[in-house]
Amino acid sequence: MSSDPPRDATHARPGAIRAAAILAGFTALTLPLIPVQAALIRTSPRLARRLPSWYHRQLCRLLGIRLHVEGRIAGHASVLVVSNHVSWLDIPVLSAVAPLSFVAKKEVGAWPFISTLARLQRSVFVDRTRRTAVGETTSEIIERLEAGDAIVLFAEGTSSDGNRVLPFKTSLFAAVKPSAASGHAGPGACVQTLALTYTHLHGLPLRRADRPLIGWYGDMELAGHAWDLLKAGPLDVEIRIGPPVPLADFTSRKDLARYSESEVRQAVARSLRGRAIGAGHTRGAAGGPRPPPGHQEGTGPLISELAGD
């Protein structure tokens, strides 16, 4: 009788070895930096903004994630970044592109270990179950924008399977487009849309049926999903960043949500159709405001970064 392992076990072994190696590298990279970032938050806000971005670039290299980026986050202004949301993987991917903080649901602040990383990223936690909490969140986000931070809002309110963009929830914009009576983010604050699409696995185009491997949504269990994704192999992701538009140009949170959803939906559709980063396109769909004349877009594809380069 043959003592060879089952075929499925033989095929699964390289993936499991890859995942274990990544976890070991993640631990070696992360644990020494936790006290460093904690100290920087207290002593050097500028460095505390920048270290997580450097850390996530190393993490993307470790994971084998190749970033293809069109546009750039404005470095001269306070920025609200409005993005679609696919997976827990979005956090390191987006943070690798620029120094960013995130608006997260309150529950994340109670997750073991992940809550520590979220706080070190200087995330803003939102309690969606209490209306009175919106005012507190509004004040914190306004203070952060006035301090020059770039803050990411996942406007769908949840993650998806990556095959579509879910409707944006206008209620989530109440904290970033408050009424005149409740405050404002200052004359320099602007909004930029960001469309995130995972496009290739092992260099091969992701099919519609493959995307749930990356998308983390519904009642998926985090640890099992993360392990399967780490075993899967290197990924390509396209990130399309819109031009900065002053928050003051939007008359209401519904106006801001409508514009952002239209821009993100069109950009994700271009990536899903296989339209290459850098190809010409028209911004400003009907029903939403167009960026005013004189606003400059980022310069074409800025990053094409392969892990280990």
C-alpha atoms as a PDB file:
ATOM      1  CA  MET A   1       0.000   0.000   0.000  1.00  0.00           C
ATOM      2  CA  SER A   2       1.369   3.417  -0.957  1.00  0.00           C
ATOM      3  CA  SER A   3       2.350   5.720   1.887  1.00  0.00           C
ATOM      4  CA  ASP A   4       2.175   8.845  -0.298  1.00  0.00           C
ATOM      5  CA  PRO A   5       0.023  11.646   1.161  1.00  0.00           C
ATOM      6  CA  PRO A   6      -3.348  12.351  -0.439  1.00  0.00           C
ATOM      7  CA  ARG A   7      -3.198  14.512  -3.535  1.00  0.00           C
ATOM      8  CA  ASP A   8      -5.224  17.296  -1.927  1.00  0.00           C
ATOM      9  CA  ALA A   9      -2.856  17.378   1.038  1.00  0.00           C
ATOM     10  CA  THR A  10       0.149  17.541  -1.276  1.00  0.00           C
ATOM     11  CA  HIS A  11      -1.342  20.475  -3.178  1.00  0.00           C
ATOM     12  CA  ALA A  12      -2.365  22.266   0.015  1.00  0.00           C
ATOM     13  CA  ARG A  13       1.094  22.044   1.608  1.00  0.00           C
ATOM     14  CA  PRO A  14       2.804  24.920  -0.314  1.00  0.00           C
ATOM     15  CA  GLY A  15      -0.089  27.248   0.506  1.00  0.00           C
ATOM     16  CA  ALA A  16       0.059  26.389   4.196  1.00  0.00           C
ATOM     17  CA  ILE A  17       3.838  26.891   4.245  1.00  0.00           C
ATOM     18  CA  ARG A  18       3.385  30.261   2.543  1.00  0.00           C
ATOM     19  CA  ALA A  19       0.736  31.342   5.058  1.00  0.00           C
ATOM     20  CA  ALA A  20       2.847  30.239   8.034  1.00  0.00           C
ATOM     21  CA  ALA A  21       5.884  32.112   6.692  1.00  0.00           C
ATOM     22  CA  ILE A  22       3.821  35.267   6.225  1.00  0.00           C
ATOM     23  CA  LEU A  23       2.462  35.034   9.769  1.00  0.00           C
ATOM     24  CA  ALA A  24       5.988  34.637  11.122  1.00  0.00           C
ATOM     25  CA  GLY A  25       7.146  37.647   9.128  1.00  0.00           C
ATOM     26  CA  PHE A  26       4.105  39.657  10.241  1.00  0.00           C
ATOM     27  CA  THR A  27       4.879  38.909  13.888  1.00  0.00           C
ATOM     28  CA  ALA A  28       8.556  39.807  13.522  1.00  0.00           C
ATOM     29  CA  LEU A  29       7.669  43.078  11.765  1.00  0.00           C
ATOM     30  CA  THR A  30       4.731  44.136  13.920  1.00  0.00           C
ATOM     31  CA  LEU A  31       5.544  43.421  17.552  1.00  0.00           C
ATOM     32  CA  PRO A  32       8.716  45.565  17.775  1.00  0.00           C
ATOM     33  CA  LEU A  33       6.916  48.525  16.132  1.00  0.00           C
ATOM     34  CA  ILE A  34       3.922  48.590  18.498  1.00  0.00           C
ATOM     35  CA  PRO A  35       5.741  50.379  21.361  1.00  0.00           C
ATOM     36  CA  VAL A  36       7.501  52.650  18.855  1.00  0.00           C
ATOM     37  CA  GLN A  37       4.222  53.841  17.343  1.00  0.00           C
ATOM     38  CA  ALA A  38       2.648  54.201  20.787  1.00  0.00           C
ATOM     39  CA  ALA A  39       5.511  56.495  21.802  1.00  0.00           C
ATOM     40  CA  LEU A  40       5.313  58.502  18.573  1.00  0.00           C
ATOM     41  CA  ILE A  41       1.598  59.180  19.081  1.00  0.00           C
ATOM     42  CA  ARG A  42       2.499  60.912  22.344  1.00  0.00           C
ATOM     43  CA  THR A  43       5.668  62.675  21.215  1.00  0.00           C
ATOM     44  CA  SER A  44       5.644  63.238  17.432  1.00  0.00           C
ATOM     45  CA  PRO A  45       2.285  63.455  15.604  1.00  0.00           C
ATOM     46  CA  ARG A  46       4.058  63.923  12.248  1.00  0.00           C
ATOM     47  CA  LEU A  47       6.018  60.684  12.555  1.00  0.00           C
ATOM     48  CA  ALA A  48       2.996  58.917  14.040  1.00  0.00           C
ATOM     49  CA  ARG A  49       1.177  59.656  10.763  1.00  0.00           C
ATOM     50  CA  ARG A  50       4.019  58.369   8.599  1.00  0.00           C
ATOM     51  CA  LEU A  51       5.195  55.208  10.361  1.00  0.00           C
ATOM     52  CA  PRO A  52       1.983  53.194   9.697  1.00  0.00           C
ATOM     53  CA  SER A  53       2.287  53.920   5.969  1.00  0.00           C
ATOM     54  CA  TRP A  54       5.883  52.664   5.918  1.00  0.00           C
ATOM     55  CA  TYR A  55       4.857  49.627   7.979  1.00  0.00           C
ATOM     56  CA  HIS A  56       2.026  48.725   5.606  1.00  0.00           C
ATOM     57  CA  ARG A  57       4.293  49.041   2.568  1.00  0.00           C
ATOM     58  CA  GLN A  58       6.540  46.407   4.143  1.00  0.00           C
ATOM     59  CA  LEU A  59       3.483  44.320   4.971  1.00  0.00           C
ATOM     60  CA  CYS A  60       2.274  44.469   1.357  1.00  0.00           C
ATOM     61  CA  ARG A  61       5.696  43.287   0.205  1.00  0.00           C
ATOM     62  CA  LEU A  62       5.489  40.437   2.692  1.00  0.00           C
ATOM     63  CA  LEU A  63       2.005  39.497   1.454  1.00  0.00           C
ATOM     64  CA  GLY A  64       3.080  39.720  -2.192  1.00  0.00           C
ATOM     65  CA  ILE A  65       0.634  42.519  -3.021  1.00  0.00           C
ATOM     66  CA  ARG A  66       1.382  44.565  -6.112  1.00  0.00           C
ATOM     67  CA  LEU A  67      -0.161  48.059  -6.081  1.00  0.00           C
ATOM     68  CA  HIS A  68      -1.222  49.880  -9.232  1.00  0.00           C
ATOM     69  CA  VAL A  69      -2.175  53.439  -8.330  1.00  0.00           C
ATOM     70  CA  GLU A  70      -3.688  56.197 -10.423  1.00  0.00           C
ATOM     71  CA  GLY A  71      -3.726  59.654  -8.819  1.00  0.00           C
ATOM     72  CA  ARG A  72      -2.443  60.674  -5.435  1.00  0.00           C
ATOM     73  CA  ILE A  73      -3.721  61.813  -2.065  1.00  0.00           C
ATOM     74  CA  ALA A  74      -3.308  65.586  -1.767  1.00  0.00           C
ATOM     75  CA  GLY A  75      -0.417  66.388   0.527  1.00  0.00           C
ATOM     76  CA  HIS A  76      -1.205  70.077   0.931  1.00  0.00           C
ATOM     77  CA  ALA A  77      -4.671  69.865   2.487  1.00  0.00           C
ATOM     78  CA  SER A  78      -6.863  68.094   5.009  1.00  0.00           C
ATOM     79  CA  VAL A  79      -8.447  65.214   3.086  1.00  0.00           C
ATOM     80  CA  LEU A  80     -11.532  63.087   3.512  1.00  0.00           C
ATOM     81  CA  VAL A  81     -10.998  59.972   1.382  1.00  0.00           C
ATOM     82  CA  VAL A  82     -14.269  58.257   0.394  1.00  0.00           C
ATOM     83  CA  SER A  83     -13.726  54.639  -0.636  1.00  0.00           C
ATOM     84  CA  ASN A  84     -15.491  51.375  -1.374  1.00  0.00           C
ATOM     85  CA  HIS A  85     -14.733  48.472   0.961  1.00  0.00           C
ATOM     86  CA  VAL A  86     -13.950  44.870   0.004  1.00  0.00           C
ATOM     87  CA  SER A  87     -11.887  43.189   2.714  1.00  0.00           C
ATOM     88  CA  TRP A  88      -9.866  43.510   5.910  1.00  0.00           C
ATOM     89  CA  LEU A  89      -6.957  43.588   3.444  1.00  0.00           C
ATOM     90  CA  ASP A  90      -8.068  47.083   2.361  1.00  0.00           C
ATOM     91  CA  ILE A  91      -6.457  48.596   5.460  1.00  0.00           C
ATOM     92  CA  PRO A  92      -2.820  47.662   4.696  1.00  0.00           C
ATOM     93  CA  VAL A  93      -3.359  48.215   0.954  1.00  0.00           C
ATOM     94  CA  LEU A  94      -4.677  51.771   1.326  1.00  0.00           C
ATOM     95  CA  SER A  95      -2.318  52.709   4.131  1.00  0.00           C
ATOM     96  CA  ALA A  96       0.615  51.640   1.942  1.00  0.00           C
ATOM     97  CA  VAL A  97      -0.394  54.289  -0.595  1.00  0.00           C
ATOM     98  CA  ALA A  98      -0.334  57.292   1.787  1.00  0.00           C
ATOM     99  CA  PRO A  99      -0.418  58.176   5.498  1.00  0.00           C
ATOM    100  CA  LEU A 100      -4.082  57.541   6.324  1.00  0.00           C
ATOM    101  CA  SER A 101      -6.374  56.970   9.270  1.00  0.00           C
ATOM    102  CA  PHE A 102      -9.728  55.203   9.074  1.00  0.00           C
ATOM    103  CA  VAL A 103     -13.287  55.650  10.302  1.00  0.00           C
ATOM    104  CA  ALA A 104     -14.180  52.270  11.835  1.00  0.00           C
ATOM    105  CA  LYS A 105     -17.257  50.860  13.517  1.00  0.00           C
ATOM    106  CA  LYS A 106     -17.137  50.795  17.297  1.00  0.00           C
ATOM    107  CA  GLU A 107     -17.034  46.975  17.383  1.00  0.00           C
ATOM    108  CA  VAL A 108     -13.524  46.995  15.880  1.00  0.00           C
ATOM    109  CA  GLY A 109     -12.331  48.716  19.041  1.00  0.00           C
ATOM    110  CA  ALA A 110     -13.191  45.571  21.012  1.00  0.00           C
ATOM    111  CA  TRP A 111     -11.527  42.978  18.741  1.00  0.00           C
ATOM    112  CA  PRO A 112      -8.454  41.380  20.370  1.00  0.00           C
ATOM    113  CA  PHE A 113      -5.138  42.641  18.959  1.00  0.00           C
ATOM    114  CA  ILE A 114      -6.838  44.211  15.919  1.00  0.00           C
ATOM    115  CA  SER A 115      -8.177  46.948  18.190  1.00  0.00           C
ATOM    116  CA  THR A 116      -4.600  47.729  19.240  1.00  0.00           C
ATOM    117  CA  LEU A 117      -3.474  48.070  15.626  1.00  0.00           C
ATOM    118  CA  ALA A 118      -6.525  50.205  14.806  1.00  0.00           C
ATOM    119  CA  ARG A 119      -5.803  52.603  17.669  1.00  0.00           C
ATOM    120  CA  LEU A 120      -2.134  52.834  16.687  1.00  0.00           C
ATOM    121  CA  GLN A 121      -3.382  53.762  13.186  1.00  0.00           C
ATOM    122  CA  ARG A 122      -5.304  56.548  14.978  1.00  0.00           C
ATOM    123  CA  SER A 123      -8.669  55.255  13.755  1.00  0.00           C
ATOM    124  CA  VAL A 124     -11.883  57.124  14.544  1.00  0.00           C
ATOM    125  CA  PHE A 125     -14.513  54.786  16.005  1.00  0.00           C
ATOM    126  CA  VAL A 126     -18.202  55.321  15.235  1.00  0.00           C
ATOM    127  CA  ASP A 127     -21.033  53.946  17.356  1.00  0.00           C
ATOM    128  CA  ARG A 128     -23.802  53.424  14.812  1.00  0.00           C
ATOM    129  CA  THR A 129     -26.297  52.377  17.485  1.00  0.00           C
ATOM    130  CA  ARG A 130     -26.409  55.792  19.198  1.00  0.00           C
ATOM    131  CA  ARG A 131     -27.474  58.911  17.361  1.00  0.00           C
ATOM    132  CA  THR A 132     -25.929  61.098  20.037  1.00  0.00           C
ATOM    133  CA  ALA A 133     -22.537  59.585  19.217  1.00  0.00           C
ATOM    134  CA  VAL A 134     -22.583  61.243  15.780  1.00  0.00           C
ATOM    135  CA  GLY A 135     -21.931  64.625  17.357  1.00  0.00           C
ATOM    136  CA  GLU A 136     -18.929  63.285  19.252  1.00  0.00           C
ATOM    137  CA  THR A 137     -17.567  61.654  16.086  1.00  0.00           C
ATOM    138  CA  THR A 138     -18.166  64.851  14.114  1.00  0.00           C
ATOM    139  CA  SER A 139     -16.035  66.848  16.540  1.00  0.00           C
ATOM    140  CA  GLU A 140     -13.206  64.315  16.435  1.00  0.00           C
ATOM    141  CA  ILE A 141     -13.152  64.111  12.638  1.00  0.00           C
ATOM    142  CA  ILE A 142     -13.265  67.902  12.298  1.00  0.00           C
ATOM    143  CA  GLU A 143     -10.363  68.231  14.724  1.00  0.00           C
ATOM    144  CA  ARG A 144      -8.384  65.622  12.812  1.00  0.00           C
ATOM    145  CA  LEU A 145      -9.052  67.274   9.449  1.00  0.00           C
ATOM    146  CA  GLU A 146      -8.097  70.676  10.854  1.00  0.00           C
ATOM    147  CA  ALA A 147      -4.850  69.077  12.078  1.00  0.00           C
ATOM    148  CA  GLY A 148      -4.069  68.077   8.484  1.00  0.00           C
ATOM    149  CA  ASP A 149      -4.935  64.380   8.660  1.00  0.00           C
ATOM    150  CA  ALA A 150      -6.216  62.283   5.752  1.00  0.00           C
ATOM    151  CA  ILE A 151      -9.146  60.144   6.937  1.00  0.00           C
ATOM    152  CA  VAL A 152     -10.761  57.260   5.036  1.00  0.00           C
ATOM    153  CA  LEU A 153     -14.521  56.723   5.146  1.00  0.00           C
ATOM    154  CA  PHE A 154     -15.836  53.397   3.823  1.00  0.00           C
ATOM    155  CA  ALA A 155     -19.104  54.829   2.619  1.00  0.00           C
ATOM    156  CA  GLU A 156     -20.932  51.562   1.908  1.00  0.00           C
ATOM    157  CA  GLY A 157     -21.059  50.963   5.642  1.00  0.00           C
ATOM    158  CA  THR A 158     -19.915  47.362   5.167  1.00  0.00           C
ATOM    159  CA  SER A 159     -17.623  45.282   2.969  1.00  0.00           C
ATOM    160  CA  SER A 160     -18.691  43.504  -0.223  1.00  0.00           C
ATOM    161  CA  ASP A 161     -17.677  40.588  -2.445  1.00  0.00           C
ATOM    162  CA  GLY A 162     -15.687  42.936  -4.709  1.00  0.00           C
ATOM    163  CA  ASN A 163     -17.904  42.372  -7.766  1.00  0.00           C
ATOM    164  CA  ARG A 164     -19.922  45.536  -7.211  1.00  0.00           C
ATOM    165  CA  VAL A 165     -20.155  48.764  -5.239  1.00  0.00           C
ATOM    166  CA  LEU A 166     -22.951  48.838  -2.681  1.00  0.00           C
ATOM    167  CA  PRO A 167     -25.100  51.977  -2.290  1.00  0.00           C
ATOM    168  CA  PHE A 168     -23.394  54.632  -0.185  1.00  0.00           C
ATOM    169  CA  LYS A 169     -25.110  55.375   3.136  1.00  0.00           C
ATOM    170  CA  THR A 170     -25.773  59.107   3.365  1.00  0.00           C
ATOM    171  CA  SER A 171     -26.048  58.847   7.169  1.00  0.00           C
ATOM    172  CA  LEU A 172     -22.325  58.039   7.364  1.00  0.00           C
ATOM    173  CA  PHE A 173     -21.540  61.427   5.841  1.00  0.00           C
ATOM    174  CA  ALA A 174     -23.237  63.307   8.684  1.00  0.00           C
ATOM    175  CA  ALA A 175     -19.989  63.279  10.658  1.00  0.00           C
ATOM    176  CA  VAL A 176     -17.943  64.718   7.771  1.00  0.00           C
ATOM    177  CA  LYS A 177     -20.504  67.099   6.260  1.00  0.00           C
ATOM    178  CA  PRO A 178     -22.198  68.476   9.373  1.00  0.00           C
ATOM    179  CA  SER A 179     -24.629  71.346   9.418  1.00  0.00           C
ATOM    180  CA  ALA A 180     -23.308  74.886   9.661  1.00  0.00           C
ATOM    181  CA  ALA A 181     -24.519  74.986  13.264  1.00  0.00           C
ATOM    182  CA  SER A 182     -22.456  71.980  14.327  1.00  0.00           C
ATOM    183  CA  GLY A 183     -19.130  72.988  12.859  1.00  0.00           C
ATOM    184  CA  HIS A 184     -17.073  72.678   9.718  1.00  0.00           C
ATOM    185  CA  ALA A 185     -13.782  71.215   8.667  1.00  0.00           C
ATOM    186  CA  GLY A 186     -12.189  74.484   7.682  1.00  0.00           C
ATOM    187  CA  PRO A 187     -11.680  76.168   4.290  1.00  0.00           C
ATOM    188  CA  GLY A 188      -8.807  73.890   3.252  1.00  0.00           C
ATOM    189  CA  ALA A 189     -10.571  70.564   3.759  1.00  0.00           C
ATOM    190  CA  CYS A 190     -11.305  68.575   0.610  1.00  0.00           C
ATOM    191  CA  VAL A 191     -12.730  65.231  -0.461  1.00  0.00           C
ATOM    192  CA  GLN A 192     -11.109  62.654  -2.740  1.00  0.00           C
ATOM    193  CA  THR A 193     -12.774  59.496  -3.982  1.00  0.00           C
ATOM    194  CA  LEU A 194     -10.890  56.210  -4.042  1.00  0.00           C
ATOM    195  CA  ALA A 195     -11.884  53.087  -5.943  1.00  0.00           C
ATOM    196  CA  LEU A 196     -10.296  49.815  -4.827  1.00  0.00           C
ATOM    197  CA  THR A 197     -10.392  46.675  -7.009  1.00  0.00           C
ATOM    198  CA  TYR A 198      -8.508  43.392  -6.632  1.00  0.00           C
ATOM    199  CA  THR A 199      -7.747  42.310 -10.193  1.00  0.00           C
ATOM    200  CA  HIS A 200      -5.237  39.416 -10.380  1.00  0.00           C
ATOM    201  CA  LEU A 201      -4.152  36.381  -8.387  1.00  0.00           C
ATOM    202  CA  HIS A 202      -0.803  34.769  -9.303  1.00  0.00           C
ATOM    203  CA  GLY A 203      -0.766  37.166 -12.276  1.00  0.00           C
ATOM    204  CA  LEU A 204      -4.024  35.752 -13.686  1.00  0.00           C
ATOM    205  CA  PRO A 205      -7.218  37.849 -13.913  1.00  0.00           C
ATOM    206  CA  LEU A 206      -9.635  37.231 -11.068  1.00  0.00           C
ATOM    207  CA  ARG A 207     -12.943  35.837 -12.244  1.00  0.00           C
ATOM    208  CA  ARG A 208     -16.220  36.856 -10.693  1.00  0.00           C
ATOM    209  CA  ALA A 209     -16.406  33.568  -8.807  1.00  0.00           C
ATOM    210  CA  ASP A 210     -12.871  34.071  -7.404  1.00  0.00           C
ATOM    211  CA  ARG A 211     -13.492  37.415  -5.717  1.00  0.00           C
ATOM    212  CA  PRO A 212     -15.102  36.052  -2.512  1.00  0.00           C
ATOM    213  CA  LEU A 213     -11.664  34.614  -1.724  1.00  0.00           C
ATOM    214  CA  ILE A 214     -10.576  38.216  -1.126  1.00  0.00           C
ATOM    215  CA  GLY A 215     -13.843  39.868  -0.150  1.00  0.00           C
ATOM    216  CA  TRP A 216     -14.657  39.559   3.546  1.00  0.00           C
ATOM    217  CA  TYR A 217     -18.350  40.120   4.106  1.00  0.00           C
ATOM    218  CA  GLY A 218     -21.532  38.762   5.642  1.00  0.00           C
ATOM    219  CA  ASP A 219     -20.898  36.207   8.399  1.00  0.00           C
ATOM    220  CA  MET A 220     -17.435  35.147   7.215  1.00  0.00           C
ATOM    221  CA  GLU A 221     -15.147  34.217  10.090  1.00  0.00           C
ATOM    222  CA  LEU A 222     -12.060  36.443  10.091  1.00  0.00           C
ATOM    223  CA  ALA A 223      -9.327  33.981  11.111  1.00  0.00           C
ATOM    224  CA  GLY A 224     -10.353  31.311   8.599  1.00  0.00           C
ATOM    225  CA  HIS A 225     -10.764  33.831   5.788  1.00  0.00           C
ATOM    226  CA  ALA A 226      -7.365  35.387   6.524  1.00  0.00           C
ATOM    227  CA  TRP A 227      -5.656  31.980   6.548  1.00  0.00           C
ATOM    228  CA  ASP A 228      -7.191  31.004   3.200  1.00  0.00           C
ATOM    229  CA  LEU A 229      -6.172  34.329   1.670  1.00  0.00           C
ATOM    230  CA  LEU A 230      -2.601  34.054   2.936  1.00  0.00           C
ATOM    231  CA  LYS A 231      -2.358  30.595   1.368  1.00  0.00           C
ATOM    232  CA  ALA A 232      -3.735  31.771  -1.989  1.00  0.00           C
ATOM    233  CA  GLY A 233      -0.743  33.656  -3.376  1.00  0.00           C
ATOM    234  CA  PRO A 234       0.304  37.114  -4.624  1.00  0.00           C
ATOM    235  CA  LEU A 235      -2.334  39.662  -5.590  1.00  0.00           C
ATOM    236  CA  ASP A 236      -2.640  42.710  -7.842  1.00  0.00           C
ATOM    237  CA  VAL A 237      -4.856  45.591  -6.762  1.00  0.00           C
ATOM    238  CA  GLU A 238      -5.872  48.732  -8.651  1.00  0.00           C
ATOM    239  CA  ILE A 239      -6.445  51.964  -6.745  1.00  0.00           C
ATOM    240  CA  ARG A 240      -7.940  54.922  -8.595  1.00  0.00           C
ATOM    241  CA  ILE A 241      -7.844  58.211  -6.681  1.00  0.00           C
ATOM    242  CA  GLY A 242      -9.978  61.168  -7.769  1.00  0.00           C
ATOM    243  CA  PRO A 243      -8.911  64.825  -7.703  1.00  0.00           C
ATOM    244  CA  PRO A 244      -9.379  66.902  -4.543  1.00  0.00           C
ATOM    245  CA  VAL A 245     -12.670  68.838  -4.362  1.00  0.00           C
ATOM    246  CA  PRO A 246     -13.371  71.289  -1.490  1.00  0.00           C
ATOM    247  CA  LEU A 247     -15.870  69.942   1.014  1.00  0.00           C
ATOM    248  CA  ALA A 248     -17.426  73.392   0.971  1.00  0.00           C
ATOM    249  CA  ASP A 249     -18.501  72.802  -2.660  1.00  0.00           C
ATOM    250  CA  PHE A 250     -21.124  70.293  -1.517  1.00  0.00           C
ATOM    251  CA  THR A 251     -24.412  71.671  -0.264  1.00  0.00           C
ATOM    252  CA  SER A 252     -25.335  68.657   1.868  1.00  0.00           C
ATOM    253  CA  ARG A 253     -24.228  65.212   2.915  1.00  0.00           C
ATOM    254  CA  LYS A 254     -26.580  63.728   0.280  1.00  0.00           C
ATOM    255  CA  ASP A 255     -24.877  65.813  -2.390  1.00  0.00           C
ATOM    256  CA  LEU A 256     -21.471  64.599  -1.206  1.00  0.00           C
ATOM    257  CA  ALA A 257     -22.624  60.961  -1.030  1.00  0.00           C
ATOM    258  CA  ARG A 258     -24.168  61.090  -4.519  1.00  0.00           C
ATOM    259  CA  TYR A 259     -21.010  62.519  -6.080  1.00  0.00           C
ATOM    260  CA  SER A 260     -18.701  60.082  -4.257  1.00  0.00           C
ATOM    261  CA  GLU A 261     -20.761  57.018  -5.115  1.00  0.00           C
ATOM    262  CA  SER A 262     -20.916  57.943  -8.793  1.00  0.00           C
ATOM    263  CA  GLU A 263     -17.162  58.479  -9.025  1.00  0.00           C
ATOM    264  CA  VAL A 264     -16.239  55.301  -7.147  1.00  0.00           C
ATOM    265  CA  ARG A 265     -18.786  53.169  -9.014  1.00  0.00           C
ATOM    266  CA  GLN A 266     -17.464  54.296 -12.417  1.00  0.00           C
ATOM    267  CA  ALA A 267     -13.826  53.755 -11.428  1.00  0.00           C
ATOM    268  CA  VAL A 268     -14.479  50.245 -10.053  1.00  0.00           C
ATOM    269  CA  ALA A 269     -16.380  49.386 -13.244  1.00  0.00           C
ATOM    270  CA  ARG A 270     -13.352  50.421 -15.331  1.00  0.00           C
ATOM    271  CA  SER A 271     -11.094  48.115 -13.326  1.00  0.00           C
ATOM    272  CA  LEU A 272     -13.545  45.204 -13.476  1.00  0.00           C
ATOM    273  CA  ARG A 273     -13.762  45.614 -17.251  1.00  0.00           C
ATOM    274  CA  GLY A 274      -9.990  45.363 -17.440  1.00  0.00           C
ATOM    275  CA  ARG A 275      -9.413  48.972 -18.465  1.00  0.00           C
ATOM    276  CA  ALA A 276      -5.786  49.644 -17.639  1.00  0.00           C
ATOM    277  CA  ILE A 277      -4.699  52.188 -15.059  1.00  0.00           C
ATOM    278  CA  GLY A 278      -3.800  55.432 -16.819  1.00  0.00           C
ATOM    279  CA  ALA A 279      -6.366  55.105 -19.633  1.00  0.00           C
ATOM    280  CA  GLY A 280      -8.274  58.318 -20.278  1.00  0.00           C
ATOM    281  CA  HIS A 281     -11.713  58.733 -18.805  1.00  0.00           C
ATOM    282  CA  THR A 282     -14.307  61.406 -18.038  1.00  0.00           C
ATOM    283  CA  ARG A 283     -14.953  62.436 -14.457  1.00  0.00           C
ATOM    284  CA  GLY A 284     -18.138  63.877 -13.024  1.00  0.00           C
ATOM    285  CA  ALA A 285     -21.188  61.801 -13.953  1.00  0.00           C
ATOM    286  CA  ALA A 286     -24.616  63.339 -14.351  1.00  0.00           C
ATOM    287  CA  GLY A 287     -26.304  63.882 -11.022  1.00  0.00           C
ATOM    288  CA  GLY A 288     -23.157  64.863  -9.120  1.00  0.00           C
ATOM    289  CA  PRO A 289     -20.969  67.990  -9.086  1.00  0.00           C
ATOM    290  CA  ARG A 290     -17.913  68.052 -11.306  1.00  0.00           C
ATOM    291  CA  PRO A 291     -14.527  69.066  -9.950  1.00  0.00           C
ATOM    292  CA  PRO A 292     -14.183  72.823 -10.460  1.00  0.00           C
ATOM    293  CA  PRO A 293     -11.848  74.138 -13.186  1.00  0.00           C
ATOM    294  CA  GLY A 294      -8.309  74.504 -11.986  1.00  0.00           C
ATOM    295  CA  HIS A 295      -8.272  71.406  -9.778  1.00  0.00           C
ATOM    296  CA  GLN A 296      -5.329  69.200 -10.641  1.00  0.00           C
ATOM    297  CA  GLU A 297      -5.507  65.435 -10.735  1.00  0.00           C
ATOM    298  CA  GLY A 298      -2.702  63.185  -9.608  1.00  0.00           C
ATOM    299  CA  THR A 299      -0.191  62.371 -12.283  1.00  0.00           C
ATOM    300  CA  GLY A 300      -1.131  59.104 -13.951  1.00  0.00           C
ATOM    301  CA  PRO A 301      -0.062  55.778 -12.500  1.00  0.00           C
ATOM    302  CA  LEU A 302       2.250  56.652  -9.625  1.00  0.00           C
ATOM    303  CA  ILE A 303       2.987  53.239  -8.179  1.00  0.00           C
ATOM    304  CA  SER A 304       3.485  49.778  -9.594  1.00  0.00           C
ATOM    305  CA  GLU A 305       5.146  48.046  -6.692  1.00  0.00           C
ATOM    306  CA  LEU A 306       6.002  44.355  -6.626  1.00  0.00           C
ATOM    307  CA  ALA A 307       6.719  42.701  -3.323  1.00  0.00           C
ATOM    308  CA  GLY A 308      10.435  42.430  -2.831  1.00  0.00           C
ATOM    309  CA  ASP A 309      11.388  45.160  -5.324  1.00  0.00           C
END
